Amino acid sequence: MLRIKNLVKVYPGPVTALQGVDLDLEAGMFGLLGPNGAGKSTFMRILAGLLEPTSGAVMLDGEDILAKPERVRARLGYLPQEFGFYPHLSGEQMLIHLLRLKGVEAPRGLKALAGELLERVNLSFAAKRKVKSYSGGMRQRLGIAQAVAGNPRLLIVDEPTAGLDPEERLRFYHLLAELAGNRIVLLSTHIVEDVAVLCPQFAVIRGGRLVAKTTPRAARAAIEGAIFEGTVSPVELPELRQSGSVTQAILVEGRHRVRVFAPDGSPPLGFERVTPTLEDAYLVLMRSGLAGLGGDDPGRGVVVAPGAPGDTAGGGAEPVHLVGVRS
């Protein structure tokens, strides 16, 4: 188990990036979903031992990661948001170099291990090609190859699908799902589709705080019957947005197809009730606080994080990248 208790990070300024994060994770895939600037990368860098927190504790299977980072690094795999490669090296050479830096032991030699890892991430065909010729998805798979070397207990991946085309993203999804079979995989993302496809459980982070911990099914169920869809003109849309209830707006033939959150069951005229998506649930949390997403039934509602802010109804959420998933 990975146990995070009251994790706080304050940068000079002061700027508080994390405000008392508490989280317990079992083996499997877990998503951390939030907009850019919410504190996700700071959180991941602390867990990876690259950044010291201001206060708090992080325990991996009972061992203190913060107090004894050198003892945990051998059990850790990390794919940061931005991963630097030497463009003139081949994929095989680059991976061998990273394995040396990581201190991975290989009884049959690093070249043999690199070959096995490249095959596992479906890059054997490009082992001799220079990294500068790799696509974005190929670079991410090369990064995952070094991250899983040594069979780590904890695998941290930070914004792994940002910038990938749909085909590469799907290929990467399959790879991550396979890796989550017998280890803790923590996936940080601002893309709702990543969580909808991969994560049985996820948490939403906003302003350095965990807003809620839930499952995609429970998040959708919590707003069942409260999402409505209709068509409005470009002139009508700004007024509708001011209500803070719009979860999605798509331009179709000069008019906007709009989805709104109406927990009182009174949507704008002409709107019809539709099945909620994870996008809807996420944006209700981000834009309308926690109203409508609570509940005592853990199978239906969401678990609200202690101290999570819930008084931002109608407030402007930070921009978030949505992929239009219907889940």
C-alpha atoms as a PDB file:
ATOM      1  CA  MET A   1       0.000   0.000   0.000  1.00  0.00           C
ATOM      2  CA  LEU A   2       1.025   3.591  -0.686  1.00  0.00           C
ATOM      3  CA  ARG A   3      -0.071   5.882   2.143  1.00  0.00           C
ATOM      4  CA  ILE A   4       0.161   9.681   1.893  1.00  0.00           C
ATOM      5  CA  LYS A   5      -0.627  11.707   5.010  1.00  0.00           C
ATOM      6  CA  ASN A   6      -1.140  15.488   5.221  1.00  0.00           C
ATOM      7  CA  LEU A   7       1.298  16.286   2.410  1.00  0.00           C
ATOM      8  CA  VAL A   8       2.053  20.011   2.171  1.00  0.00           C
ATOM      9  CA  LYS A   9       4.355  21.881  -0.210  1.00  0.00           C
ATOM     10  CA  VAL A  10       4.917  25.640   0.043  1.00  0.00           C
ATOM     11  CA  TYR A  11       7.218  27.361  -2.456  1.00  0.00           C
ATOM     12  CA  PRO A  12       8.926  30.702  -1.733  1.00  0.00           C
ATOM     13  CA  GLY A  13       6.574  33.602  -2.270  1.00  0.00           C
ATOM     14  CA  PRO A  14       4.833  31.947  -0.526  1.00  0.00           C
ATOM     15  CA  VAL A  15       2.929  29.759  -2.994  1.00  0.00           C
ATOM     16  CA  THR A  16       1.135  26.738  -1.556  1.00  0.00           C
ATOM     17  CA  ALA A  17       1.152  23.975  -4.182  1.00  0.00           C
ATOM     18  CA  LEU A  18      -0.210  21.200  -1.940  1.00  0.00           C
ATOM     19  CA  GLN A  19      -2.545  21.780   0.994  1.00  0.00           C
ATOM     20  CA  GLY A  20      -2.674  18.675   3.181  1.00  0.00           C
ATOM     21  CA  VAL A  21      -3.156  15.799   0.727  1.00  0.00           C
ATOM     22  CA  ASP A  22      -4.278  12.464   2.253  1.00  0.00           C
ATOM     23  CA  LEU A  23      -4.509   9.372   0.059  1.00  0.00           C
ATOM     24  CA  ASP A  24      -4.251   5.571   0.438  1.00  0.00           C
ATOM     25  CA  LEU A  25      -3.604   3.461  -2.672  1.00  0.00           C
ATOM     26  CA  GLU A  26      -3.704  -0.309  -3.157  1.00  0.00           C
ATOM     27  CA  ALA A  27      -2.230  -2.246  -6.093  1.00  0.00           C
ATOM     28  CA  GLY A  28      -3.745  -1.364  -9.475  1.00  0.00           C
ATOM     29  CA  MET A  29      -4.282   1.761 -11.553  1.00  0.00           C
ATOM     30  CA  PHE A  30      -5.254   4.983  -9.784  1.00  0.00           C
ATOM     31  CA  GLY A  31      -5.884   8.304 -11.520  1.00  0.00           C
ATOM     32  CA  LEU A  32      -5.151  11.807 -10.259  1.00  0.00           C
ATOM     33  CA  LEU A  33      -7.285  14.145 -12.349  1.00  0.00           C
ATOM     34  CA  GLY A  34      -7.094  17.920 -12.369  1.00  0.00           C
ATOM     35  CA  PRO A  35      -6.372  20.983 -14.522  1.00  0.00           C
ATOM     36  CA  ASN A  36      -2.900  22.291 -15.246  1.00  0.00           C
ATOM     37  CA  GLY A  37      -1.544  24.074 -12.183  1.00  0.00           C
ATOM     38  CA  ALA A  38      -3.616  22.044  -9.711  1.00  0.00           C
ATOM     39  CA  GLY A  39      -0.541  20.549  -7.990  1.00  0.00           C
ATOM     40  CA  LYS A  40      -0.350  17.190  -9.783  1.00  0.00           C
ATOM     41  CA  SER A  41       3.280  17.412 -10.925  1.00  0.00           C
ATOM     42  CA  THR A  42       4.439  18.713  -7.524  1.00  0.00           C
ATOM     43  CA  PHE A  43       2.700  15.738  -5.908  1.00  0.00           C
ATOM     44  CA  MET A  44       4.320  13.272  -8.333  1.00  0.00           C
ATOM     45  CA  ARG A  45       7.797  14.767  -7.939  1.00  0.00           C
ATOM     46  CA  ILE A  46       7.567  14.425  -4.159  1.00  0.00           C
ATOM     47  CA  LEU A  47       6.561  10.766  -4.448  1.00  0.00           C
ATOM     48  CA  ALA A  48       9.444  10.171  -6.880  1.00  0.00           C
ATOM     49  CA  GLY A  49      11.943  11.660  -4.409  1.00  0.00           C
ATOM     50  CA  LEU A  50      12.801  14.629  -6.622  1.00  0.00           C
ATOM     51  CA  LEU A  51      11.265  17.266  -4.360  1.00  0.00           C
ATOM     52  CA  GLU A  52      11.082  17.628  -0.599  1.00  0.00           C
ATOM     53  CA  PRO A  53       7.690  18.430   0.914  1.00  0.00           C
ATOM     54  CA  THR A  54       7.235  21.157   3.488  1.00  0.00           C
ATOM     55  CA  SER A  55       5.553  18.623   5.760  1.00  0.00           C
ATOM     56  CA  GLY A  56       3.734  15.310   5.676  1.00  0.00           C
ATOM     57  CA  ALA A  57       4.544  11.612   5.307  1.00  0.00           C
ATOM     58  CA  VAL A  58       4.675   9.094   2.446  1.00  0.00           C
ATOM     59  CA  MET A  59       4.826   5.358   3.238  1.00  0.00           C
ATOM     60  CA  LEU A  60       5.270   2.541   0.700  1.00  0.00           C
ATOM     61  CA  ASP A  61       4.424  -0.838   2.231  1.00  0.00           C
ATOM     62  CA  GLY A  62       5.241   0.599   5.653  1.00  0.00           C
ATOM     63  CA  GLU A  63       8.589   2.152   4.634  1.00  0.00           C
ATOM     64  CA  ASP A  64       9.076   5.914   4.817  1.00  0.00           C
ATOM     65  CA  ILE A  65       9.881   7.174   1.295  1.00  0.00           C
ATOM     66  CA  LEU A  66      10.813  10.651   2.513  1.00  0.00           C
ATOM     67  CA  ALA A  67      13.137   9.544   5.319  1.00  0.00           C
ATOM     68  CA  LYS A  68      14.887   6.770   3.336  1.00  0.00           C
ATOM     69  CA  PRO A  69      14.618   7.636  -0.362  1.00  0.00           C
ATOM     70  CA  GLU A  70      17.656   5.561  -1.317  1.00  0.00           C
ATOM     71  CA  ARG A  71      15.952   2.375  -0.070  1.00  0.00           C
ATOM     72  CA  VAL A  72      12.825   3.023  -2.080  1.00  0.00           C
ATOM     73  CA  ARG A  73      14.297   4.098  -5.424  1.00  0.00           C
ATOM     74  CA  ALA A  74      14.974   0.500  -6.440  1.00  0.00           C
ATOM     75  CA  ARG A  75      11.228  -0.166  -6.076  1.00  0.00           C
ATOM     76  CA  LEU A  76      10.175   2.945  -7.974  1.00  0.00           C
ATOM     77  CA  GLY A  77       9.506   3.602 -11.654  1.00  0.00           C
ATOM     78  CA  TYR A  78       8.938   7.175 -12.847  1.00  0.00           C
ATOM     79  CA  LEU A  79       7.902   8.669 -16.171  1.00  0.00           C
ATOM     80  CA  PRO A  80       7.894  12.478 -15.787  1.00  0.00           C
ATOM     81  CA  GLN A  81       5.805  14.839 -17.851  1.00  0.00           C
ATOM     82  CA  GLU A  82       8.872  15.973 -19.797  1.00  0.00           C
ATOM     83  CA  PHE A  83      11.461  13.292 -20.484  1.00  0.00           C
ATOM     84  CA  GLY A  84      14.779  14.273 -22.064  1.00  0.00           C
ATOM     85  CA  PHE A  85      16.563  12.011 -24.548  1.00  0.00           C
ATOM     86  CA  TYR A  86      19.829  12.296 -26.459  1.00  0.00           C
ATOM     87  CA  PRO A  87      18.534  12.566 -30.037  1.00  0.00           C
ATOM     88  CA  HIS A  88      21.705  11.173 -31.655  1.00  0.00           C
ATOM     89  CA  LEU A  89      21.495   7.867 -29.748  1.00  0.00           C
ATOM     90  CA  SER A  90      19.486   4.883 -30.913  1.00  0.00           C
ATOM     91  CA  GLY A  91      16.561   3.705 -28.818  1.00  0.00           C
ATOM     92  CA  GLU A  92      18.634   0.765 -27.573  1.00  0.00           C
ATOM     93  CA  GLN A  93      21.637   2.951 -26.687  1.00  0.00           C
ATOM     94  CA  MET A  94      19.439   5.492 -24.920  1.00  0.00           C
ATOM     95  CA  LEU A  95      17.725   2.795 -22.866  1.00  0.00           C
ATOM     96  CA  ILE A  96      21.011   1.168 -21.860  1.00  0.00           C
ATOM     97  CA  HIS A  97      22.309   4.576 -20.744  1.00  0.00           C
ATOM     98  CA  LEU A  98      19.179   5.135 -18.637  1.00  0.00           C
ATOM     99  CA  LEU A  99      19.470   1.670 -17.089  1.00  0.00           C
ATOM    100  CA  ARG A 100      23.065   2.454 -16.055  1.00  0.00           C
ATOM    101  CA  LEU A 101      21.979   5.742 -14.478  1.00  0.00           C
ATOM    102  CA  LYS A 102      19.173   3.964 -12.671  1.00  0.00           C
ATOM    103  CA  GLY A 103      21.568   1.326 -11.319  1.00  0.00           C
ATOM    104  CA  VAL A 104      19.511  -1.594 -12.620  1.00  0.00           C
ATOM    105  CA  GLU A 105      21.163  -4.998 -12.212  1.00  0.00           C
ATOM    106  CA  ALA A 106      21.004  -7.363 -15.192  1.00  0.00           C
ATOM    107  CA  PRO A 107      22.490 -10.880 -14.788  1.00  0.00           C
ATOM    108  CA  ARG A 108      22.567 -11.389 -18.582  1.00  0.00           C
ATOM    109  CA  GLY A 109      23.823  -7.873 -19.281  1.00  0.00           C
ATOM    110  CA  LEU A 110      22.183  -4.526 -19.924  1.00  0.00           C
ATOM    111  CA  LYS A 111      21.934  -5.063 -23.677  1.00  0.00           C
ATOM    112  CA  ALA A 112      19.890  -8.224 -23.196  1.00  0.00           C
ATOM    113  CA  LEU A 113      17.664  -6.487 -20.652  1.00  0.00           C
ATOM    114  CA  ALA A 114      17.202  -3.481 -22.943  1.00  0.00           C
ATOM    115  CA  GLY A 115      16.117  -5.847 -25.717  1.00  0.00           C
ATOM    116  CA  GLU A 116      13.543  -7.477 -23.451  1.00  0.00           C
ATOM    117  CA  LEU A 117      12.186  -4.100 -22.331  1.00  0.00           C
ATOM    118  CA  LEU A 118      11.956  -2.761 -25.885  1.00  0.00           C
ATOM    119  CA  GLU A 119      10.060  -5.870 -26.913  1.00  0.00           C
ATOM    120  CA  ARG A 120       7.683  -5.444 -23.981  1.00  0.00           C
ATOM    121  CA  VAL A 121       6.776  -1.918 -25.065  1.00  0.00           C
ATOM    122  CA  ASN A 122       6.644  -2.879 -28.753  1.00  0.00           C
ATOM    123  CA  LEU A 123       9.749  -0.946 -29.817  1.00  0.00           C
ATOM    124  CA  SER A 124      12.006  -3.786 -30.971  1.00  0.00           C
ATOM    125  CA  PHE A 125      11.491  -2.751 -34.581  1.00  0.00           C
ATOM    126  CA  ALA A 126      12.977   0.685 -33.803  1.00  0.00           C
ATOM    127  CA  ALA A 127      15.788  -0.381 -31.447  1.00  0.00           C
ATOM    128  CA  LYS A 128      18.527   0.743 -33.869  1.00  0.00           C
ATOM    129  CA  ARG A 129      16.800   3.925 -35.014  1.00  0.00           C
ATOM    130  CA  LYS A 130      17.909   7.271 -33.606  1.00  0.00           C
ATOM    131  CA  VAL A 131      15.613   8.685 -30.938  1.00  0.00           C
ATOM    132  CA  LYS A 132      15.207  11.923 -32.906  1.00  0.00           C
ATOM    133  CA  SER A 133      13.185   9.943 -35.470  1.00  0.00           C
ATOM    134  CA  TYR A 134      10.729   8.615 -32.854  1.00  0.00           C
ATOM    135  CA  SER A 135       7.131   9.814 -32.724  1.00  0.00           C
ATOM    136  CA  GLY A 136       5.679  11.166 -29.479  1.00  0.00           C
ATOM    137  CA  GLY A 137       4.103   7.820 -28.664  1.00  0.00           C
ATOM    138  CA  MET A 138       7.358   5.960 -29.302  1.00  0.00           C
ATOM    139  CA  ARG A 139       9.209   8.327 -26.964  1.00  0.00           C
ATOM    140  CA  GLN A 140       6.618   7.709 -24.257  1.00  0.00           C
ATOM    141  CA  ARG A 141       6.982   3.956 -24.668  1.00  0.00           C
ATOM    142  CA  LEU A 142      10.756   4.294 -24.407  1.00  0.00           C
ATOM    143  CA  GLY A 143      10.235   6.249 -21.200  1.00  0.00           C
ATOM    144  CA  ILE A 144       7.988   3.513 -19.844  1.00  0.00           C
ATOM    145  CA  ALA A 145      10.631   0.905 -20.724  1.00  0.00           C
ATOM    146  CA  GLN A 146      13.135   2.534 -18.358  1.00  0.00           C
ATOM    147  CA  ALA A 147      10.440   3.133 -15.728  1.00  0.00           C
ATOM    148  CA  VAL A 148       9.471  -0.549 -15.457  1.00  0.00           C
ATOM    149  CA  ALA A 149      13.075  -1.801 -15.390  1.00  0.00           C
ATOM    150  CA  GLY A 150      13.698  -3.659 -12.158  1.00  0.00           C
ATOM    151  CA  ASN A 151      10.000  -4.566 -11.782  1.00  0.00           C
ATOM    152  CA  PRO A 152       9.131  -1.595  -9.514  1.00  0.00           C
ATOM    153  CA  ARG A 153       6.443  -1.852  -6.865  1.00  0.00           C
ATOM    154  CA  LEU A 154       5.319   1.750  -7.538  1.00  0.00           C
ATOM    155  CA  LEU A 155       5.039   3.193 -11.040  1.00  0.00           C
ATOM    156  CA  ILE A 156       4.405   6.944 -11.388  1.00  0.00           C
ATOM    157  CA  VAL A 157       3.386   8.367 -14.765  1.00  0.00           C
ATOM    158  CA  ASP A 158       2.817  12.117 -15.116  1.00  0.00           C
ATOM    159  CA  GLU A 159       0.639  13.318 -18.039  1.00  0.00           C
ATOM    160  CA  PRO A 160       1.684  10.343 -20.216  1.00  0.00           C
ATOM    161  CA  THR A 161      -0.770  10.861 -23.096  1.00  0.00           C
ATOM    162  CA  ALA A 162      -0.519  14.648 -23.527  1.00  0.00           C
ATOM    163  CA  GLY A 163       0.299  15.393 -27.160  1.00  0.00           C
ATOM    164  CA  LEU A 164      -0.295  11.861 -28.453  1.00  0.00           C
ATOM    165  CA  ASP A 165      -2.533  11.250 -31.450  1.00  0.00           C
ATOM    166  CA  PRO A 166      -5.602   8.991 -30.938  1.00  0.00           C
ATOM    167  CA  GLU A 167      -3.888   5.848 -32.265  1.00  0.00           C
ATOM    168  CA  GLU A 168      -0.790   6.318 -30.090  1.00  0.00           C
ATOM    169  CA  ARG A 169      -2.962   7.131 -27.076  1.00  0.00           C
ATOM    170  CA  LEU A 170      -4.909   3.875 -27.500  1.00  0.00           C
ATOM    171  CA  ARG A 171      -1.690   1.873 -27.797  1.00  0.00           C
ATOM    172  CA  PHE A 172      -0.365   3.516 -24.649  1.00  0.00           C
ATOM    173  CA  TYR A 173      -3.597   2.739 -22.789  1.00  0.00           C
ATOM    174  CA  HIS A 174      -3.157  -0.979 -23.474  1.00  0.00           C
ATOM    175  CA  LEU A 175       0.425  -0.858 -22.242  1.00  0.00           C
ATOM    176  CA  LEU A 176      -0.433   0.935 -18.994  1.00  0.00           C
ATOM    177  CA  ALA A 177      -3.351  -1.409 -18.295  1.00  0.00           C
ATOM    178  CA  GLU A 178      -1.024  -4.398 -18.637  1.00  0.00           C
ATOM    179  CA  LEU A 179       1.555  -2.866 -16.281  1.00  0.00           C
ATOM    180  CA  ALA A 180      -1.052  -2.250 -13.558  1.00  0.00           C
ATOM    181  CA  GLY A 181      -1.662  -5.939 -12.997  1.00  0.00           C
ATOM    182  CA  ASN A 182       0.639  -6.472 -10.002  1.00  0.00           C
ATOM    183  CA  ARG A 183       1.859  -3.048  -8.892  1.00  0.00           C
ATOM    184  CA  ILE A 184       0.624   0.374  -7.828  1.00  0.00           C
ATOM    185  CA  VAL A 185       0.361   2.625 -10.883  1.00  0.00           C
ATOM    186  CA  LEU A 186      -0.357   6.293 -10.196  1.00  0.00           C
ATOM    187  CA  LEU A 187      -1.478   8.169 -13.295  1.00  0.00           C
ATOM    188  CA  SER A 188      -1.559  11.972 -13.226  1.00  0.00           C
ATOM    189  CA  THR A 189      -3.550  13.602 -16.026  1.00  0.00           C
ATOM    190  CA  HIS A 190      -5.744  16.530 -17.059  1.00  0.00           C
ATOM    191  CA  ILE A 191      -7.401  14.400 -19.771  1.00  0.00           C
ATOM    192  CA  VAL A 192     -10.714  12.910 -18.643  1.00  0.00           C
ATOM    193  CA  GLU A 193     -10.510  10.092 -21.195  1.00  0.00           C
ATOM    194  CA  ASP A 194      -7.338   8.734 -19.523  1.00  0.00           C
ATOM    195  CA  VAL A 195      -9.240   8.149 -16.302  1.00  0.00           C
ATOM    196  CA  ALA A 196     -12.426   6.887 -17.977  1.00  0.00           C
ATOM    197  CA  VAL A 197     -10.491   4.240 -19.915  1.00  0.00           C
ATOM    198  CA  LEU A 198      -7.864   3.162 -17.388  1.00  0.00           C
ATOM    199  CA  CYS A 199      -8.730   3.878 -13.772  1.00  0.00           C
ATOM    200  CA  PRO A 200     -11.105   1.884 -11.523  1.00  0.00           C
ATOM    201  CA  GLN A 201     -10.581   4.650  -8.931  1.00  0.00           C
ATOM    202  CA  PHE A 202      -9.451   8.250  -9.144  1.00  0.00           C
ATOM    203  CA  ALA A 203      -9.167  11.458  -7.154  1.00  0.00           C
ATOM    204  CA  VAL A 204      -9.831  15.020  -8.282  1.00  0.00           C
ATOM    205  CA  ILE A 205      -7.309  17.681  -7.262  1.00  0.00           C
ATOM    206  CA  ARG A 206      -7.998  21.408  -7.347  1.00  0.00           C
ATOM    207  CA  GLY A 207      -5.848  24.202  -5.962  1.00  0.00           C
ATOM    208  CA  GLY A 208      -3.536  21.767  -4.201  1.00  0.00           C
ATOM    209  CA  ARG A 209      -6.382  19.970  -2.385  1.00  0.00           C
ATOM    210  CA  LEU A 210      -8.078  16.661  -3.086  1.00  0.00           C
ATOM    211  CA  VAL A 211     -11.679  17.538  -3.881  1.00  0.00           C
ATOM    212  CA  ALA A 212     -12.931  13.944  -3.923  1.00  0.00           C
ATOM    213  CA  LYS A 213     -11.940  10.298  -4.245  1.00  0.00           C
ATOM    214  CA  THR A 214     -14.329   8.117  -6.216  1.00  0.00           C
ATOM    215  CA  THR A 215     -14.832   5.745  -9.157  1.00  0.00           C
ATOM    216  CA  PRO A 216     -16.002   6.635 -12.674  1.00  0.00           C
ATOM    217  CA  ARG A 217     -19.230   4.690 -12.088  1.00  0.00           C
ATOM    218  CA  ALA A 218     -19.979   6.415  -8.768  1.00  0.00           C
ATOM    219  CA  ALA A 219     -19.146   9.871 -10.142  1.00  0.00           C
ATOM    220  CA  ARG A 220     -21.589   9.401 -13.017  1.00  0.00           C
ATOM    221  CA  ALA A 221     -24.252   7.887 -10.754  1.00  0.00           C
ATOM    222  CA  ALA A 222     -24.039  10.867  -8.384  1.00  0.00           C
ATOM    223  CA  ILE A 223     -25.395  13.196 -11.088  1.00  0.00           C
ATOM    224  CA  GLU A 224     -27.792  10.725 -12.715  1.00  0.00           C
ATOM    225  CA  GLY A 225     -30.925  12.574 -13.790  1.00  0.00           C
ATOM    226  CA  ALA A 226     -29.321  16.004 -13.454  1.00  0.00           C
ATOM    227  CA  ILE A 227     -27.630  16.379 -16.868  1.00  0.00           C
ATOM    228  CA  PHE A 228     -29.627  17.865 -19.739  1.00  0.00           C
ATOM    229  CA  GLU A 229     -28.739  18.593 -23.357  1.00  0.00           C
ATOM    230  CA  GLY A 230     -30.121  21.107 -25.844  1.00  0.00           C
ATOM    231  CA  THR A 231     -29.264  23.451 -28.693  1.00  0.00           C
ATOM    232  CA  VAL A 232     -28.743  27.207 -28.285  1.00  0.00           C
ATOM    233  CA  SER A 233     -27.567  30.024 -30.536  1.00  0.00           C
ATOM    234  CA  PRO A 234     -24.127  31.644 -30.138  1.00  0.00           C
ATOM    235  CA  VAL A 235     -25.896  34.714 -28.676  1.00  0.00           C
ATOM    236  CA  GLU A 236     -27.618  32.661 -25.956  1.00  0.00           C
ATOM    237  CA  LEU A 237     -24.553  30.680 -24.873  1.00  0.00           C
ATOM    238  CA  PRO A 238     -22.713  33.422 -22.853  1.00  0.00           C
ATOM    239  CA  GLU A 239     -25.753  34.002 -20.643  1.00  0.00           C
ATOM    240  CA  LEU A 240     -26.131  30.261 -20.078  1.00  0.00           C
ATOM    241  CA  ARG A 241     -22.443  29.951 -19.167  1.00  0.00           C
ATOM    242  CA  GLN A 242     -22.828  32.651 -16.515  1.00  0.00           C
ATOM    243  CA  SER A 243     -25.099  30.332 -14.556  1.00  0.00           C
ATOM    244  CA  GLY A 244     -22.113  28.032 -13.985  1.00  0.00           C
ATOM    245  CA  SER A 245     -24.140  24.988 -15.033  1.00  0.00           C
ATOM    246  CA  VAL A 246     -22.672  24.301 -18.496  1.00  0.00           C
ATOM    247  CA  THR A 247     -20.531  21.155 -18.589  1.00  0.00           C
ATOM    248  CA  GLN A 248     -19.934  20.983 -22.334  1.00  0.00           C
ATOM    249  CA  ALA A 249     -20.640  23.015 -25.473  1.00  0.00           C
ATOM    250  CA  ILE A 250     -19.969  21.761 -29.006  1.00  0.00           C
ATOM    251  CA  LEU A 251     -20.522  23.857 -32.139  1.00  0.00           C
ATOM    252  CA  VAL A 252     -22.691  22.018 -34.698  1.00  0.00           C
ATOM    253  CA  GLU A 253     -23.787  23.765 -37.914  1.00  0.00           C
ATOM    254  CA  GLY A 254     -23.532  27.227 -36.400  1.00  0.00           C
ATOM    255  CA  ARG A 255     -25.424  26.379 -33.203  1.00  0.00           C
ATOM    256  CA  HIS A 256     -24.141  25.089 -29.871  1.00  0.00           C
ATOM    257  CA  ARG A 257     -25.062  21.656 -28.579  1.00  0.00           C
ATOM    258  CA  VAL A 258     -24.888  22.275 -24.833  1.00  0.00           C
ATOM    259  CA  ARG A 259     -24.975  20.026 -21.767  1.00  0.00           C
ATOM    260  CA  VAL A 260     -25.983  21.545 -18.421  1.00  0.00           C
ATOM    261  CA  PHE A 261     -26.101  20.411 -14.805  1.00  0.00           C
ATOM    262  CA  ALA A 262     -29.538  21.067 -13.281  1.00  0.00           C
ATOM    263  CA  PRO A 263     -29.817  19.228  -9.934  1.00  0.00           C
ATOM    264  CA  ASP A 264     -33.263  20.708  -9.287  1.00  0.00           C
ATOM    265  CA  GLY A 265     -34.593  19.074 -12.458  1.00  0.00           C
ATOM    266  CA  SER A 266     -35.397  22.442 -14.073  1.00  0.00           C
ATOM    267  CA  PRO A 267     -33.189  22.819 -17.179  1.00  0.00           C
ATOM    268  CA  PRO A 268     -33.504  25.607 -19.769  1.00  0.00           C
ATOM    269  CA  LEU A 269     -36.503  25.370 -22.103  1.00  0.00           C
ATOM    270  CA  GLY A 270     -36.054  22.748 -24.814  1.00  0.00           C
ATOM    271  CA  PHE A 271     -33.354  20.747 -22.992  1.00  0.00           C
ATOM    272  CA  GLU A 272     -33.794  16.981 -22.527  1.00  0.00           C
ATOM    273  CA  ARG A 273     -32.387  14.685 -19.832  1.00  0.00           C
ATOM    274  CA  VAL A 274     -29.382  12.620 -21.001  1.00  0.00           C
ATOM    275  CA  THR A 275     -27.012  10.014 -19.556  1.00  0.00           C
ATOM    276  CA  PRO A 276     -24.146  11.639 -17.605  1.00  0.00           C
ATOM    277  CA  THR A 277     -20.545  11.173 -18.709  1.00  0.00           C
ATOM    278  CA  LEU A 278     -17.397  11.356 -16.613  1.00  0.00           C
ATOM    279  CA  GLU A 279     -16.706  14.755 -18.201  1.00  0.00           C
ATOM    280  CA  ASP A 280     -19.972  16.010 -16.776  1.00  0.00           C
ATOM    281  CA  ALA A 281     -19.170  14.725 -13.284  1.00  0.00           C
ATOM    282  CA  TYR A 282     -15.655  16.148 -13.367  1.00  0.00           C
ATOM    283  CA  LEU A 283     -16.743  19.602 -14.482  1.00  0.00           C
ATOM    284  CA  VAL A 284     -19.541  19.686 -11.910  1.00  0.00           C
ATOM    285  CA  LEU A 285     -16.861  19.139  -9.276  1.00  0.00           C
ATOM    286  CA  MET A 286     -14.566  21.753 -10.768  1.00  0.00           C
ATOM    287  CA  ARG A 287     -17.123  24.456 -11.509  1.00  0.00           C
ATOM    288  CA  SER A 288     -19.971  23.957  -9.065  1.00  0.00           C
ATOM    289  CA  GLY A 289     -18.216  22.737  -5.949  1.00  0.00           C
ATOM    290  CA  LEU A 290     -19.536  19.568  -4.369  1.00  0.00           C
ATOM    291  CA  ALA A 291     -23.263  20.254  -4.571  1.00  0.00           C
ATOM    292  CA  GLY A 292     -24.992  17.194  -5.990  1.00  0.00           C
ATOM    293  CA  LEU A 293     -21.967  14.920  -5.754  1.00  0.00           C
ATOM    294  CA  GLY A 294     -22.150  13.953  -2.091  1.00  0.00           C
ATOM    295  CA  GLY A 295     -24.167  11.157  -0.593  1.00  0.00           C
ATOM    296  CA  ASP A 296     -23.983   8.586   2.139  1.00  0.00           C
ATOM    297  CA  ASP A 297     -24.148   5.628  -0.242  1.00  0.00           C
ATOM    298  CA  PRO A 298     -20.544   4.823  -1.267  1.00  0.00           C
ATOM    299  CA  GLY A 299     -21.823   2.932  -4.264  1.00  0.00           C
ATOM    300  CA  ARG A 300     -23.542   6.009  -5.651  1.00  0.00           C
ATOM    301  CA  GLY A 301     -21.922   9.174  -4.365  1.00  0.00           C
ATOM    302  CA  VAL A 302     -18.341  10.271  -4.020  1.00  0.00           C
ATOM    303  CA  VAL A 303     -16.134  10.410  -0.970  1.00  0.00           C
ATOM    304  CA  VAL A 304     -15.420  14.061  -0.298  1.00  0.00           C
ATOM    305  CA  ALA A 305     -11.881  14.721   0.825  1.00  0.00           C
ATOM    306  CA  PRO A 306     -11.624  16.319   4.297  1.00  0.00           C
ATOM    307  CA  GLY A 307     -11.353  20.095   4.009  1.00  0.00           C
ATOM    308  CA  ALA A 308     -12.175  20.073   0.310  1.00  0.00           C
ATOM    309  CA  PRO A 309     -13.490  23.408  -0.894  1.00  0.00           C
ATOM    310  CA  GLY A 310     -17.119  23.355  -1.967  1.00  0.00           C
ATOM    311  CA  ASP A 311     -18.136  26.974  -2.140  1.00  0.00           C
ATOM    312  CA  THR A 312     -17.228  27.867  -5.708  1.00  0.00           C
ATOM    313  CA  ALA A 313     -20.624  27.642  -7.342  1.00  0.00           C
ATOM    314  CA  GLY A 314     -20.606  29.584 -10.541  1.00  0.00           C
ATOM    315  CA  GLY A 315     -16.893  30.303 -10.204  1.00  0.00           C
ATOM    316  CA  GLY A 316     -14.537  30.058 -13.118  1.00  0.00           C
ATOM    317  CA  ALA A 317     -12.601  26.808 -13.170  1.00  0.00           C
ATOM    318  CA  GLU A 318      -9.159  26.630 -14.662  1.00  0.00           C
ATOM    319  CA  PRO A 319      -9.040  25.462 -18.310  1.00  0.00           C
ATOM    320  CA  VAL A 320      -9.152  21.697 -18.710  1.00  0.00           C
ATOM    321  CA  HIS A 321      -8.485  19.512 -21.735  1.00  0.00           C
ATOM    322  CA  LEU A 322     -11.412  17.251 -22.601  1.00  0.00           C
ATOM    323  CA  VAL A 323     -11.389  14.543 -25.238  1.00  0.00           C
ATOM    324  CA  GLY A 324     -15.128  14.070 -25.692  1.00  0.00           C
ATOM    325  CA  VAL A 325     -15.269  10.597 -24.159  1.00  0.00           C
ATOM    326  CA  ARG A 326     -18.739   9.107 -23.767  1.00  0.00           C
ATOM    327  CA  SER A 327     -18.407   6.747 -20.860  1.00  0.00           C
END
